Amino acid sequence: MSMKNSDDMCIPLCRAHHDEVHAFGDEALWLALNGIDPEEELRKIRVDKGAQEG
């Protein structure tokens, strides 16, 4: 059985890009090739979420 990541560790993607990542097979490489820094994106999401809650 596979394990699901916490939603706090997920970068939201549209359906087309979600499917593209799965078809590509290497999420880390796909992110790098598309200029996406996952740590930076997660930081932005946490900042935005904090602003909405506070």
Protein backbone atom coordinates (compact mmCIF):
# COMPACT_ATOMS: atom_id res chain seq x y z
CA MET A 1 0.00 0.00 0.00
CA SER A 2 1.33 3.45 -0.88
CA MET A 3 1.67 6.28 1.60
CA LYS A 4 0.04 9.67 1.01
CA ASN A 5 2.05 12.79 1.84
CA SER A 6 0.59 15.28 4.25
CA ASP A 7 -1.21 18.11 2.47
CA ASP A 8 1.29 20.46 4.16
CA MET A 9 3.98 18.93 1.95
CA CYS A 10 2.11 19.14 -1.37
CA ILE A 11 2.47 21.76 -4.06
CA PRO A 12 -0.87 22.38 -5.77
CA LEU A 13 -0.86 21.73 -9.51
CA CYS A 14 -3.54 21.98 -12.14
CA ARG A 15 -4.83 18.66 -13.50
CA ALA A 16 -2.71 18.91 -16.68
CA HIS A 17 0.54 19.42 -14.77
CA HIS A 18 -0.39 16.79 -12.18
CA ASP A 19 -0.85 14.27 -14.99
CA GLU A 20 2.38 15.44 -16.64
CA VAL A 21 4.39 14.83 -13.44
CA HIS A 22 3.00 11.30 -13.15
CA ALA A 23 3.69 10.56 -16.82
CA PHE A 24 7.23 11.94 -16.50
CA GLY A 25 7.93 9.64 -13.55
CA ASP A 26 10.55 11.68 -11.66
CA GLU A 27 8.86 14.44 -9.68
CA ALA A 28 12.08 16.04 -8.41
CA LEU A 29 13.56 16.22 -11.90
CA TRP A 30 10.28 17.51 -13.39
CA LEU A 31 10.18 20.29 -10.79
CA ALA A 32 13.81 21.22 -11.50
CA LEU A 33 13.33 21.23 -15.27
CA ASN A 34 10.31 23.49 -14.83
CA GLY A 35 12.15 25.91 -12.55
CA ILE A 36 10.09 25.07 -9.48
CA ASP A 37 11.84 25.10 -6.10
CA PRO A 38 9.57 22.95 -3.91
CA GLU A 39 10.93 24.33 -0.63
CA GLU A 40 10.30 27.91 -1.77
CA GLU A 41 6.80 27.09 -2.98
CA LEU A 42 5.93 25.39 0.31
CA ARG A 43 7.29 28.40 2.22
CA LYS A 44 5.03 30.72 0.19
CA ILE A 45 2.02 28.51 0.87
CA ARG A 46 2.73 28.51 4.63
CA VAL A 47 3.08 32.31 4.63
CA ASP A 48 -0.18 32.73 2.68
CA LYS A 49 -1.98 30.27 4.94
CA GLY A 50 -0.75 32.10 8.04
CA ALA A 51 -1.95 35.43 6.67
CA GLN A 52 -5.40 33.97 6.01
CA GLU A 53 -5.67 32.49 9.51
CA GLY A 54 -4.34 35.46 11.42
